[in-house]
Amino acid sequence: MLKLSDEDVIERLCQGHSDALPLLFDRFYRLVLKIAVRILRDPGEAEDVMQDVFFEIFNKAAQFDPAKGSAKTWLLQYAYHRSLSRRQYLALRSFYDRRQISEREVSECNSVDVSWRGLTFPEWRRVIEQGLATLNEKQRKTLELVCFEGLLLSEIAERTRESLPNVRHHYYRGLEGLRKFLKINEANDVES
């Protein structure tokens, strides 16, 4: 089996031979890890991406088309795109801003003196809770999972067993509802 070409190994995966995955892993894990480390600049995150790439290759081996390129190229494209997606995901969640926040800074943020756009953080919390209460259950739950648990829409779809387009719909309609709620409240505050 060691003499099989990369394309033959993928073909074996398509046929349900799970023993082909370790062979593919042995051939390419260093290269996939190297790409992930260069893009993510964090060895732990890069290892997670590497595992995700091989898991995805295992599940999607049937999508490989040798007419479009080599197995190596296909696998490295997965590594590259998954690494970029992960970097974007981490950047949105301020992963790369690793400045530690002290307990004092947290308590200062919760004090009445600190404000943003004229409201203190406890006041903003109440406004956001009121805004979330105006949404339907699916919209509210989707926004909470994205904003408070850091899940991706695809992860929410898996967790809730809904299609990704439905989850995307709940997310964007929920954001739209929150924006409308905030605009109405802003207009009411200006009038009073």
N, C-alpha and C. Protein backbone atom coordinates (compact mmCIF):
# COMPACT_ATOMS: atom_id res chain seq x y z
N MET A 1 0.82 -1.20 0.00
CA MET A 1 0.00 0.00 0.00
C MET A 1 0.86 1.26 0.00
N LEU A 2 2.10 1.18 0.48
CA LEU A 2 2.98 2.33 0.50
C LEU A 2 3.34 2.80 -0.90
N LYS A 3 3.24 1.94 -1.88
CA LYS A 3 3.62 2.29 -3.25
C LYS A 3 2.47 2.93 -4.03
N LEU A 4 1.30 3.04 -3.42
CA LEU A 4 0.16 3.65 -4.10
C LEU A 4 0.41 5.14 -4.34
N SER A 5 -0.08 5.65 -5.46
CA SER A 5 0.00 7.09 -5.71
C SER A 5 -0.98 7.80 -4.76
N ASP A 6 -0.80 9.10 -4.63
CA ASP A 6 -1.70 9.89 -3.77
C ASP A 6 -3.14 9.78 -4.26
N GLU A 7 -3.32 9.78 -5.57
CA GLU A 7 -4.65 9.67 -6.15
C GLU A 7 -5.27 8.31 -5.84
N ASP A 8 -4.44 7.25 -5.86
CA ASP A 8 -4.93 5.91 -5.53
C ASP A 8 -5.36 5.83 -4.06
N VAL A 9 -4.62 6.52 -3.22
CA VAL A 9 -4.96 6.54 -1.79
C VAL A 9 -6.32 7.21 -1.59
N ILE A 10 -6.54 8.33 -2.29
CA ILE A 10 -7.84 9.01 -2.21
C ILE A 10 -8.94 8.09 -2.74
N GLU A 11 -8.66 7.37 -3.80
CA GLU A 11 -9.64 6.43 -4.37
C GLU A 11 -9.99 5.36 -3.34
N ARG A 12 -8.99 4.88 -2.61
CA ARG A 12 -9.25 3.88 -1.56
C ARG A 12 -10.16 4.48 -0.48
N LEU A 13 -9.94 5.75 -0.14
CA LEU A 13 -10.81 6.42 0.83
C LEU A 13 -12.25 6.45 0.31
N CYS A 14 -12.39 6.76 -0.97
CA CYS A 14 -13.73 6.79 -1.58
C CYS A 14 -14.42 5.43 -1.51
N GLN A 15 -13.64 4.38 -1.58
CA GLN A 15 -14.19 3.03 -1.54
C GLN A 15 -14.47 2.56 -0.11
N GLY A 16 -14.19 3.43 0.87
CA GLY A 16 -14.48 3.09 2.26
C GLY A 16 -13.35 2.44 3.01
N HIS A 17 -12.16 2.45 2.46
CA HIS A 17 -10.99 1.88 3.15
C HIS A 17 -10.39 2.95 4.06
N SER A 18 -10.80 2.95 5.30
CA SER A 18 -10.33 3.97 6.24
C SER A 18 -8.83 3.83 6.54
N ASP A 19 -8.24 2.67 6.24
CA ASP A 19 -6.81 2.49 6.47
C ASP A 19 -5.96 3.35 5.53
N ALA A 20 -6.58 3.95 4.51
CA ALA A 20 -5.86 4.82 3.59
C ALA A 20 -5.60 6.20 4.21
N LEU A 21 -6.42 6.60 5.18
CA LEU A 21 -6.25 7.92 5.79
C LEU A 21 -4.90 8.07 6.49
N PRO A 22 -4.47 7.11 7.32
CA PRO A 22 -3.16 7.26 7.96
C PRO A 22 -2.02 7.40 6.94
N LEU A 23 -2.15 6.71 5.83
CA LEU A 23 -1.12 6.80 4.79
C LEU A 23 -1.09 8.21 4.21
N LEU A 24 -2.26 8.76 3.92
CA LEU A 24 -2.35 10.13 3.41
C LEU A 24 -1.83 11.12 4.46
N PHE A 25 -2.18 10.88 5.71
CA PHE A 25 -1.72 11.73 6.80
C PHE A 25 -0.20 11.70 6.89
N ASP A 26 0.40 10.54 6.87
CA ASP A 26 1.86 10.42 6.96
C ASP A 26 2.56 11.16 5.83
N ARG A 27 1.95 11.15 4.67
CA ARG A 27 2.56 11.81 3.51
C ARG A 27 2.48 13.33 3.58
N PHE A 28 1.41 13.85 4.15
CA PHE A 28 1.17 15.29 4.02
C PHE A 28 1.01 16.08 5.31
N TYR A 29 1.03 15.45 6.47
CA TYR A 29 0.72 16.22 7.68
C TYR A 29 1.73 17.33 7.92
N ARG A 30 3.01 17.11 7.62
CA ARG A 30 4.02 18.15 7.85
C ARG A 30 3.74 19.37 6.97
N LEU A 31 3.40 19.13 5.73
CA LEU A 31 3.13 20.22 4.80
C LEU A 31 1.86 20.99 5.20
N VAL A 32 0.82 20.27 5.56
CA VAL A 32 -0.42 20.91 6.00
C VAL A 32 -0.17 21.72 7.27
N LEU A 33 0.56 21.15 8.20
CA LEU A 33 0.88 21.85 9.45
C LEU A 33 1.71 23.09 9.18
N LYS A 34 2.67 22.98 8.28
CA LYS A 34 3.52 24.13 7.94
C LYS A 34 2.69 25.28 7.38
N ILE A 35 1.75 24.98 6.49
CA ILE A 35 0.87 26.01 5.94
C ILE A 35 0.04 26.65 7.05
N ALA A 36 -0.54 25.81 7.88
CA ALA A 36 -1.40 26.31 8.96
C ALA A 36 -0.62 27.17 9.94
N VAL A 37 0.59 26.77 10.30
CA VAL A 37 1.40 27.56 11.24
C VAL A 37 1.75 28.91 10.63
N ARG A 38 2.11 28.92 9.36
CA ARG A 38 2.47 30.19 8.71
C ARG A 38 1.29 31.15 8.68
N ILE A 39 0.11 30.63 8.45
CA ILE A 39 -1.07 31.50 8.36
C ILE A 39 -1.59 31.89 9.73
N LEU A 40 -1.65 30.94 10.65
CA LEU A 40 -2.25 31.19 11.96
C LEU A 40 -1.27 31.74 13.00
N ARG A 41 0.00 31.41 12.85
CA ARG A 41 1.05 31.84 13.79
C ARG A 41 0.77 31.37 15.22
N ASP A 42 0.14 30.22 15.32
CA ASP A 42 -0.11 29.62 16.63
C ASP A 42 -0.09 28.11 16.44
N PRO A 43 0.89 27.41 17.03
CA PRO A 43 1.02 25.97 16.81
C PRO A 43 -0.21 25.16 17.22
N GLY A 44 -0.83 25.51 18.33
CA GLY A 44 -2.01 24.78 18.79
C GLY A 44 -3.17 24.89 17.82
N GLU A 45 -3.43 26.11 17.37
CA GLU A 45 -4.50 26.32 16.40
C GLU A 45 -4.18 25.62 15.08
N ALA A 46 -2.90 25.66 14.70
CA ALA A 46 -2.48 25.01 13.45
C ALA A 46 -2.70 23.50 13.52
N GLU A 47 -2.42 22.90 14.66
CA GLU A 47 -2.66 21.46 14.82
C GLU A 47 -4.14 21.14 14.70
N ASP A 48 -4.98 22.00 15.28
CA ASP A 48 -6.43 21.80 15.17
C ASP A 48 -6.88 21.87 13.71
N VAL A 49 -6.36 22.84 12.98
CA VAL A 49 -6.72 22.98 11.56
C VAL A 49 -6.24 21.75 10.79
N MET A 50 -5.02 21.29 11.10
CA MET A 50 -4.49 20.11 10.41
C MET A 50 -5.42 18.91 10.61
N GLN A 51 -5.87 18.69 11.83
CA GLN A 51 -6.79 17.59 12.09
C GLN A 51 -8.11 17.78 11.35
N ASP A 52 -8.61 19.01 11.34
CA ASP A 52 -9.85 19.31 10.63
C ASP A 52 -9.71 19.04 9.14
N VAL A 53 -8.56 19.40 8.57
CA VAL A 53 -8.33 19.20 7.14
C VAL A 53 -8.40 17.71 6.80
N PHE A 54 -7.71 16.88 7.58
CA PHE A 54 -7.71 15.45 7.27
C PHE A 54 -9.07 14.81 7.54
N PHE A 55 -9.77 15.30 8.55
CA PHE A 55 -11.12 14.80 8.80
C PHE A 55 -12.04 15.15 7.62
N GLU A 56 -11.89 16.37 7.13
CA GLU A 56 -12.72 16.79 6.01
C GLU A 56 -12.36 16.02 4.73
N ILE A 57 -11.07 15.80 4.52
CA ILE A 57 -10.64 15.01 3.36
C ILE A 57 -11.24 13.61 3.45
N PHE A 58 -11.22 13.03 4.63
CA PHE A 58 -11.80 11.71 4.85
C PHE A 58 -13.28 11.69 4.46
N ASN A 59 -14.01 12.73 4.88
CA ASN A 59 -15.44 12.79 4.62
C ASN A 59 -15.79 13.19 3.20
N LYS A 60 -14.90 13.90 2.53
CA LYS A 60 -15.21 14.44 1.20
C LYS A 60 -14.31 13.88 0.11
N ALA A 61 -13.73 12.74 0.34
CA ALA A 61 -12.81 12.15 -0.64
C ALA A 61 -13.49 11.95 -1.99
N ALA A 62 -14.78 11.70 -1.98
CA ALA A 62 -15.50 11.48 -3.24
C ALA A 62 -15.56 12.72 -4.11
N GLN A 63 -15.31 13.89 -3.53
CA GLN A 63 -15.34 15.14 -4.30
C GLN A 63 -14.04 15.37 -5.08
N PHE A 64 -13.02 14.59 -4.81
CA PHE A 64 -11.75 14.76 -5.52
C PHE A 64 -11.93 14.42 -7.00
N ASP A 65 -11.44 15.32 -7.85
CA ASP A 65 -11.50 15.11 -9.30
C ASP A 65 -10.09 15.20 -9.86
N PRO A 66 -9.50 14.06 -10.23
CA PRO A 66 -8.12 14.08 -10.73
C PRO A 66 -7.95 14.91 -12.01
N ALA A 67 -9.04 15.18 -12.72
CA ALA A 67 -8.96 15.99 -13.93
C ALA A 67 -8.65 17.46 -13.60
N LYS A 68 -8.93 17.86 -12.37
CA LYS A 68 -8.72 19.25 -11.96
C LYS A 68 -7.36 19.48 -11.31
N GLY A 69 -6.64 18.43 -11.01
CA GLY A 69 -5.33 18.59 -10.39
C GLY A 69 -4.97 17.38 -9.55
N SER A 70 -3.79 17.44 -8.98
CA SER A 70 -3.29 16.31 -8.19
C SER A 70 -3.95 16.26 -6.82
N ALA A 71 -3.85 15.13 -6.18
CA ALA A 71 -4.37 14.96 -4.82
C ALA A 71 -3.65 15.89 -3.86
N LYS A 72 -2.35 16.04 -4.07
CA LYS A 72 -1.56 16.93 -3.21
C LYS A 72 -2.08 18.36 -3.30
N THR A 73 -2.32 18.84 -4.50
CA THR A 73 -2.83 20.19 -4.69
C THR A 73 -4.20 20.35 -4.04
N TRP A 74 -5.06 19.37 -4.22
CA TRP A 74 -6.39 19.40 -3.63
C TRP A 74 -6.31 19.48 -2.11
N LEU A 75 -5.47 18.67 -1.53
CA LEU A 75 -5.31 18.63 -0.08
C LEU A 75 -4.72 19.95 0.43
N LEU A 76 -3.74 20.49 -0.27
CA LEU A 76 -3.12 21.74 0.17
C LEU A 76 -4.08 22.92 0.02
N GLN A 77 -4.96 22.86 -0.96
CA GLN A 77 -5.99 23.91 -1.07
C GLN A 77 -6.90 23.88 0.14
N TYR A 78 -7.27 22.69 0.57
CA TYR A 78 -8.06 22.56 1.81
C TYR A 78 -7.31 23.18 2.98
N ALA A 79 -6.04 22.85 3.10
CA ALA A 79 -5.23 23.37 4.21
C ALA A 79 -5.18 24.90 4.17
N TYR A 80 -4.94 25.43 3.01
CA TYR A 80 -4.82 26.87 2.85
C TYR A 80 -6.15 27.57 3.20
N HIS A 81 -7.24 27.09 2.62
CA HIS A 81 -8.53 27.74 2.85
C HIS A 81 -9.03 27.55 4.28
N ARG A 82 -8.82 26.37 4.84
CA ARG A 82 -9.25 26.17 6.24
C ARG A 82 -8.42 27.04 7.18
N SER A 83 -7.15 27.21 6.90
CA SER A 83 -6.29 28.05 7.73
C SER A 83 -6.73 29.51 7.64
N LEU A 84 -7.01 29.98 6.45
CA LEU A 84 -7.48 31.37 6.30
C LEU A 84 -8.82 31.58 6.99
N SER A 85 -9.72 30.62 6.86
CA SER A 85 -11.02 30.73 7.53
C SER A 85 -10.84 30.77 9.04
N ARG A 86 -9.97 29.92 9.54
CA ARG A 86 -9.73 29.89 10.99
C ARG A 86 -9.09 31.19 11.47
N ARG A 87 -8.16 31.74 10.67
CA ARG A 87 -7.54 33.01 11.06
C ARG A 87 -8.58 34.11 11.12
N GLN A 88 -9.49 34.15 10.15
CA GLN A 88 -10.55 35.15 10.15
C GLN A 88 -11.46 34.96 11.37
N TYR A 89 -11.82 33.72 11.64
CA TYR A 89 -12.65 33.40 12.80
C TYR A 89 -11.98 33.89 14.09
N LEU A 90 -10.70 33.60 14.24
CA LEU A 90 -9.98 34.00 15.45
C LEU A 90 -9.80 35.51 15.53
N ALA A 91 -9.55 36.14 14.40
CA ALA A 91 -9.37 37.60 14.39
C ALA A 91 -10.66 38.30 14.80
N LEU A 92 -11.80 37.79 14.34
CA LEU A 92 -13.08 38.39 14.71
C LEU A 92 -13.35 38.28 16.20
N ARG A 93 -12.77 37.28 16.81
CA ARG A 93 -12.96 37.08 18.25
C ARG A 93 -11.77 37.58 19.06
N SER A 94 -10.96 38.43 18.45
CA SER A 94 -9.80 39.08 19.09
C SER A 94 -8.81 38.09 19.66
N PHE A 95 -8.66 36.94 19.04
CA PHE A 95 -7.71 35.94 19.49
C PHE A 95 -6.29 36.47 19.44
N TYR A 96 -6.00 37.28 18.44
CA TYR A 96 -4.64 37.76 18.26
C TYR A 96 -4.32 38.95 19.16
N ASP A 97 -5.32 39.48 19.85
CA ASP A 97 -5.09 40.53 20.85
C ASP A 97 -5.10 39.84 22.20
N ARG A 98 -3.96 39.30 22.57
CA ARG A 98 -3.90 38.45 23.76
C ARG A 98 -3.61 39.23 25.04
N ARG A 99 -3.86 40.51 25.03
CA ARG A 99 -3.63 41.30 26.23
C ARG A 99 -4.58 40.79 27.31
N GLN A 100 -4.03 40.46 28.46
CA GLN A 100 -4.84 39.94 29.55
C GLN A 100 -5.58 41.10 30.24
N ILE A 101 -6.83 40.88 30.53
CA ILE A 101 -7.63 41.89 31.21
C ILE A 101 -7.69 41.54 32.69
N SER A 102 -7.33 42.51 33.51
CA SER A 102 -7.32 42.27 34.95
C SER A 102 -8.74 42.35 35.50
N GLU A 103 -8.91 41.83 36.71
CA GLU A 103 -10.23 41.90 37.35
C GLU A 103 -10.63 43.35 37.59
N ARG A 104 -9.64 44.21 37.87
CA ARG A 104 -9.92 45.62 38.10
C ARG A 104 -10.50 46.27 36.84
N GLU A 105 -9.92 45.93 35.67
CA GLU A 105 -10.41 46.49 34.41
C GLU A 105 -11.84 46.04 34.13
N VAL A 106 -12.14 44.79 34.45
CA VAL A 106 -13.50 44.28 34.26
C VAL A 106 -14.46 45.02 35.16
N SER A 107 -14.09 45.21 36.43
CA SER A 107 -14.98 45.92 37.35
C SER A 107 -15.13 47.38 36.96
N GLU A 108 -14.06 47.97 36.37
CA GLU A 108 -14.18 49.35 35.89
C GLU A 108 -15.17 49.43 34.74
N CYS A 109 -15.18 48.43 33.88
CA CYS A 109 -16.11 48.43 32.75
C CYS A 109 -17.55 48.32 33.23
N ASN A 110 -17.75 47.69 34.36
CA ASN A 110 -19.10 47.53 34.89
C ASN A 110 -19.52 48.69 35.78
N SER A 111 -18.60 49.63 36.02
CA SER A 111 -18.96 50.75 36.88
C SER A 111 -19.83 51.74 36.12
N VAL A 112 -20.47 52.62 36.84
CA VAL A 112 -21.39 53.58 36.25
C VAL A 112 -20.64 54.65 35.46
N ASP A 113 -19.37 54.91 35.79
CA ASP A 113 -18.61 55.99 35.16
C ASP A 113 -18.22 55.70 33.72
N VAL A 114 -18.03 54.45 33.37
CA VAL A 114 -17.58 54.10 32.02
C VAL A 114 -18.80 54.04 31.11
N SER A 115 -18.73 54.75 29.97
CA SER A 115 -19.86 54.73 29.07
C SER A 115 -19.38 54.69 27.62
N TRP A 116 -20.32 54.32 26.77
CA TRP A 116 -20.08 54.30 25.33
C TRP A 116 -21.35 54.78 24.68
N ARG A 117 -21.23 55.79 23.84
CA ARG A 117 -22.39 56.41 23.18
C ARG A 117 -23.47 56.83 24.17
N GLY A 118 -23.00 57.34 25.29
CA GLY A 118 -23.92 57.90 26.27
C GLY A 118 -24.54 56.92 27.24
N LEU A 119 -24.27 55.63 27.09
CA LEU A 119 -24.83 54.63 28.00
C LEU A 119 -23.70 53.89 28.70
N THR A 120 -23.93 53.55 29.96
CA THR A 120 -22.95 52.73 30.68
C THR A 120 -23.11 51.29 30.22
N PHE A 121 -22.14 50.46 30.55
CA PHE A 121 -22.21 49.05 30.15
C PHE A 121 -23.43 48.34 30.74
N PRO A 122 -23.77 48.57 32.02
CA PRO A 122 -25.01 47.93 32.52
C PRO A 122 -26.26 48.41 31.77
N GLU A 123 -26.28 49.69 31.37
CA GLU A 123 -27.42 50.19 30.59
C GLU A 123 -27.46 49.54 29.21
N TRP A 124 -26.29 49.38 28.57
CA TRP A 124 -26.23 48.70 27.28
C TRP A 124 -26.72 47.26 27.41
N ARG A 125 -26.33 46.62 28.50
CA ARG A 125 -26.77 45.23 28.71
C ARG A 125 -28.29 45.14 28.72
N ARG A 126 -28.93 46.07 29.45
CA ARG A 126 -30.40 46.07 29.51
C ARG A 126 -31.01 46.33 28.13
N VAL A 127 -30.43 47.26 27.37
CA VAL A 127 -30.94 47.58 26.03
C VAL A 127 -30.83 46.36 25.12
N ILE A 128 -29.67 45.70 25.16
CA ILE A 128 -29.47 44.52 24.31
C ILE A 128 -30.40 43.38 24.72
N GLU A 129 -30.58 43.19 26.01
CA GLU A 129 -31.52 42.16 26.47
C GLU A 129 -32.94 42.47 26.00
N GLN A 130 -33.33 43.75 26.06
CA GLN A 130 -34.66 44.14 25.58
C GLN A 130 -34.77 43.91 24.07
N GLY A 131 -33.71 44.24 23.35
CA GLY A 131 -33.70 44.03 21.90
C GLY A 131 -33.81 42.57 21.54
N LEU A 132 -33.07 41.72 22.24
CA LEU A 132 -33.14 40.28 21.99
C LEU A 132 -34.53 39.74 22.28
N ALA A 133 -35.20 40.31 23.28
CA ALA A 133 -36.54 39.86 23.64
C ALA A 133 -37.56 40.16 22.54
N THR A 134 -37.26 41.11 21.64
CA THR A 134 -38.20 41.44 20.56
C THR A 134 -38.09 40.46 19.39
N LEU A 135 -37.05 39.63 19.37
CA LEU A 135 -36.83 38.70 18.26
C LEU A 135 -37.59 37.40 18.49
N ASN A 136 -37.82 36.66 17.40
CA ASN A 136 -38.42 35.35 17.61
C ASN A 136 -37.36 34.41 18.19
N GLU A 137 -37.81 33.29 18.69
CA GLU A 137 -36.94 32.35 19.41
C GLU A 137 -35.72 31.93 18.60
N LYS A 138 -35.91 31.59 17.33
CA LYS A 138 -34.79 31.10 16.51
C LYS A 138 -33.78 32.21 16.23
N GLN A 139 -34.27 33.42 15.98
CA GLN A 139 -33.35 34.54 15.74
C GLN A 139 -32.55 34.85 17.00
N ARG A 140 -33.23 34.90 18.14
CA ARG A 140 -32.55 35.20 19.40
C ARG A 140 -31.51 34.14 19.72
N LYS A 141 -31.89 32.88 19.61
CA LYS A 141 -30.98 31.77 19.92
C LYS A 141 -29.77 31.79 19.00
N THR A 142 -29.98 32.05 17.72
CA THR A 142 -28.87 32.10 16.76
C THR A 142 -27.90 33.22 17.11
N LEU A 143 -28.42 34.40 17.40
CA LEU A 143 -27.55 35.52 17.77
C LEU A 143 -26.79 35.24 19.06
N GLU A 144 -27.46 34.64 20.03
CA GLU A 144 -26.79 34.31 21.29
C GLU A 144 -25.66 33.32 21.07
N LEU A 145 -25.89 32.32 20.22
CA LEU A 145 -24.85 31.32 19.95
C LEU A 145 -23.66 31.93 19.22
N VAL A 146 -23.93 32.86 18.32
CA VAL A 146 -22.83 33.52 17.60
C VAL A 146 -22.09 34.48 18.52
N CYS A 147 -22.82 35.36 19.18
CA CYS A 147 -22.19 36.44 19.93
C CYS A 147 -21.65 36.03 21.30
N PHE A 148 -22.34 35.13 21.98
CA PHE A 148 -21.94 34.81 23.34
C PHE A 148 -21.18 33.49 23.46
N GLU A 149 -21.36 32.60 22.48
CA GLU A 149 -20.62 31.33 22.52
C GLU A 149 -19.59 31.22 21.41
N GLY A 150 -19.59 32.18 20.50
CA GLY A 150 -18.58 32.22 19.45
C GLY A 150 -18.70 31.14 18.39
N LEU A 151 -19.89 30.60 18.19
CA LEU A 151 -20.07 29.54 17.20
C LEU A 151 -20.19 30.12 15.80
N LEU A 152 -19.75 29.36 14.83
CA LEU A 152 -19.95 29.71 13.43
C LEU A 152 -21.36 29.29 13.04
N LEU A 153 -21.88 29.89 11.97
CA LEU A 153 -23.24 29.54 11.53
C LEU A 153 -23.33 28.05 11.17
N SER A 154 -22.28 27.50 10.59
CA SER A 154 -22.29 26.07 10.25
C SER A 154 -22.34 25.20 11.52
N GLU A 155 -21.68 25.66 12.57
CA GLU A 155 -21.72 24.92 13.84
C GLU A 155 -23.11 24.99 14.47
N ILE A 156 -23.75 26.13 14.32
CA ILE A 156 -25.12 26.29 14.85
C ILE A 156 -26.07 25.38 14.07
N ALA A 157 -25.87 25.30 12.76
CA ALA A 157 -26.71 24.42 11.94
C ALA A 157 -26.58 22.98 12.42
N GLU A 158 -25.37 22.55 12.70
CA GLU A 158 -25.17 21.18 13.21
C GLU A 158 -25.83 21.00 14.56
N ARG A 159 -25.64 21.97 15.44
CA ARG A 159 -26.17 21.86 16.80
C ARG A 159 -27.69 21.86 16.81
N THR A 160 -28.30 22.72 16.00
CA THR A 160 -29.76 22.84 16.00
C THR A 160 -30.43 21.92 14.99
N ARG A 161 -29.63 21.24 14.19
CA ARG A 161 -30.13 20.34 13.14
C ARG A 161 -31.03 21.07 12.14
N GLU A 162 -30.64 22.31 11.84
CA GLU A 162 -31.33 23.09 10.81
C GLU A 162 -30.37 23.25 9.65
N SER A 163 -30.92 23.58 8.50
CA SER A 163 -30.06 23.79 7.33
C SER A 163 -29.28 25.10 7.52
N LEU A 164 -28.11 25.16 6.90
CA LEU A 164 -27.29 26.37 6.99
C LEU A 164 -28.03 27.59 6.43
N PRO A 165 -28.75 27.48 5.30
CA PRO A 165 -29.51 28.66 4.83
C PRO A 165 -30.54 29.16 5.84
N ASN A 166 -31.19 28.24 6.55
CA ASN A 166 -32.16 28.66 7.58
C ASN A 166 -31.46 29.38 8.72
N VAL A 167 -30.34 28.83 9.17
CA VAL A 167 -29.58 29.47 10.27
C VAL A 167 -29.11 30.85 9.83
N ARG A 168 -28.61 30.94 8.60
CA ARG A 168 -28.16 32.23 8.05
C ARG A 168 -29.33 33.22 8.03
N HIS A 169 -30.50 32.75 7.64
CA HIS A 169 -31.70 33.59 7.61
C HIS A 169 -32.02 34.11 9.01
N HIS A 170 -32.02 33.21 10.01
CA HIS A 170 -32.31 33.62 11.39
C HIS A 170 -31.29 34.66 11.87
N TYR A 171 -30.03 34.45 11.53
CA TYR A 171 -28.96 35.34 11.96
C TYR A 171 -29.15 36.75 11.39
N TYR A 172 -29.33 36.83 10.07
CA TYR A 172 -29.43 38.15 9.45
C TYR A 172 -30.75 38.84 9.78
N ARG A 173 -31.82 38.09 9.91
CA ARG A 173 -33.09 38.71 10.32
C ARG A 173 -33.00 39.17 11.78
N GLY A 174 -32.30 38.42 12.60
CA GLY A 174 -32.11 38.83 13.99
C GLY A 174 -31.29 40.11 14.09
N LEU A 175 -30.22 40.20 13.31
CA LEU A 175 -29.42 41.43 13.31
C LEU A 175 -30.25 42.62 12.84
N GLU A 176 -31.04 42.38 11.79
CA GLU A 176 -31.90 43.44 11.27
C GLU A 176 -32.91 43.89 12.34
N GLY A 177 -33.47 42.93 13.07
CA GLY A 177 -34.42 43.26 14.14
C GLY A 177 -33.76 44.05 15.25
N LEU A 178 -32.53 43.68 15.61
CA LEU A 178 -31.81 44.43 16.65
C LEU A 178 -31.51 45.85 16.19
N ARG A 179 -31.09 46.00 14.93
CA ARG A 179 -30.81 47.34 14.41
C ARG A 179 -32.06 48.21 14.47
N LYS A 180 -33.20 47.66 14.05
CA LYS A 180 -34.46 48.42 14.09
C LYS A 180 -34.80 48.81 15.52
N PHE A 181 -34.63 47.87 16.44
CA PHE A 181 -34.92 48.14 17.85
C PHE A 181 -34.04 49.28 18.36
N LEU A 182 -32.74 49.23 18.03
CA LEU A 182 -31.82 50.26 18.50
C LEU A 182 -32.13 51.62 17.87
N LYS A 183 -32.53 51.64 16.59
CA LYS A 183 -32.89 52.90 15.94
C LYS A 183 -34.13 53.50 16.58
N ILE A 184 -35.11 52.66 16.88
CA ILE A 184 -36.34 53.15 17.51
C ILE A 184 -36.02 53.71 18.89
N ASN A 185 -35.19 53.00 19.65
CA ASN A 185 -34.81 53.47 20.99
C ASN A 185 -34.01 54.75 20.91
N GLU A 186 -33.12 54.86 19.91
CA GLU A 186 -32.31 56.06 19.73
C GLU A 186 -33.22 57.24 19.40
N ALA A 187 -34.21 57.01 18.53
CA ALA A 187 -35.16 58.07 18.18
C ALA A 187 -35.98 58.49 19.39
N ASN A 188 -36.39 57.53 20.21
CA ASN A 188 -37.17 57.84 21.43
C ASN A 188 -36.33 58.63 22.42
N ASP A 189 -35.03 58.29 22.52
CA ASP A 189 -34.15 59.01 23.44
C ASP A 189 -33.94 60.46 22.98
N VAL A 190 -33.86 60.67 21.68
CA VAL A 190 -33.66 62.02 21.14
C VAL A 190 -34.91 62.87 21.39
N GLU A 191 -36.09 62.25 21.26
CA GLU A 191 -37.34 62.98 21.47
C GLU A 191 -37.55 63.34 22.93
N SER A 192 -37.07 62.50 23.87
CA SER A 192 -37.32 62.77 25.28
C SER A 192 -36.36 63.73 25.89
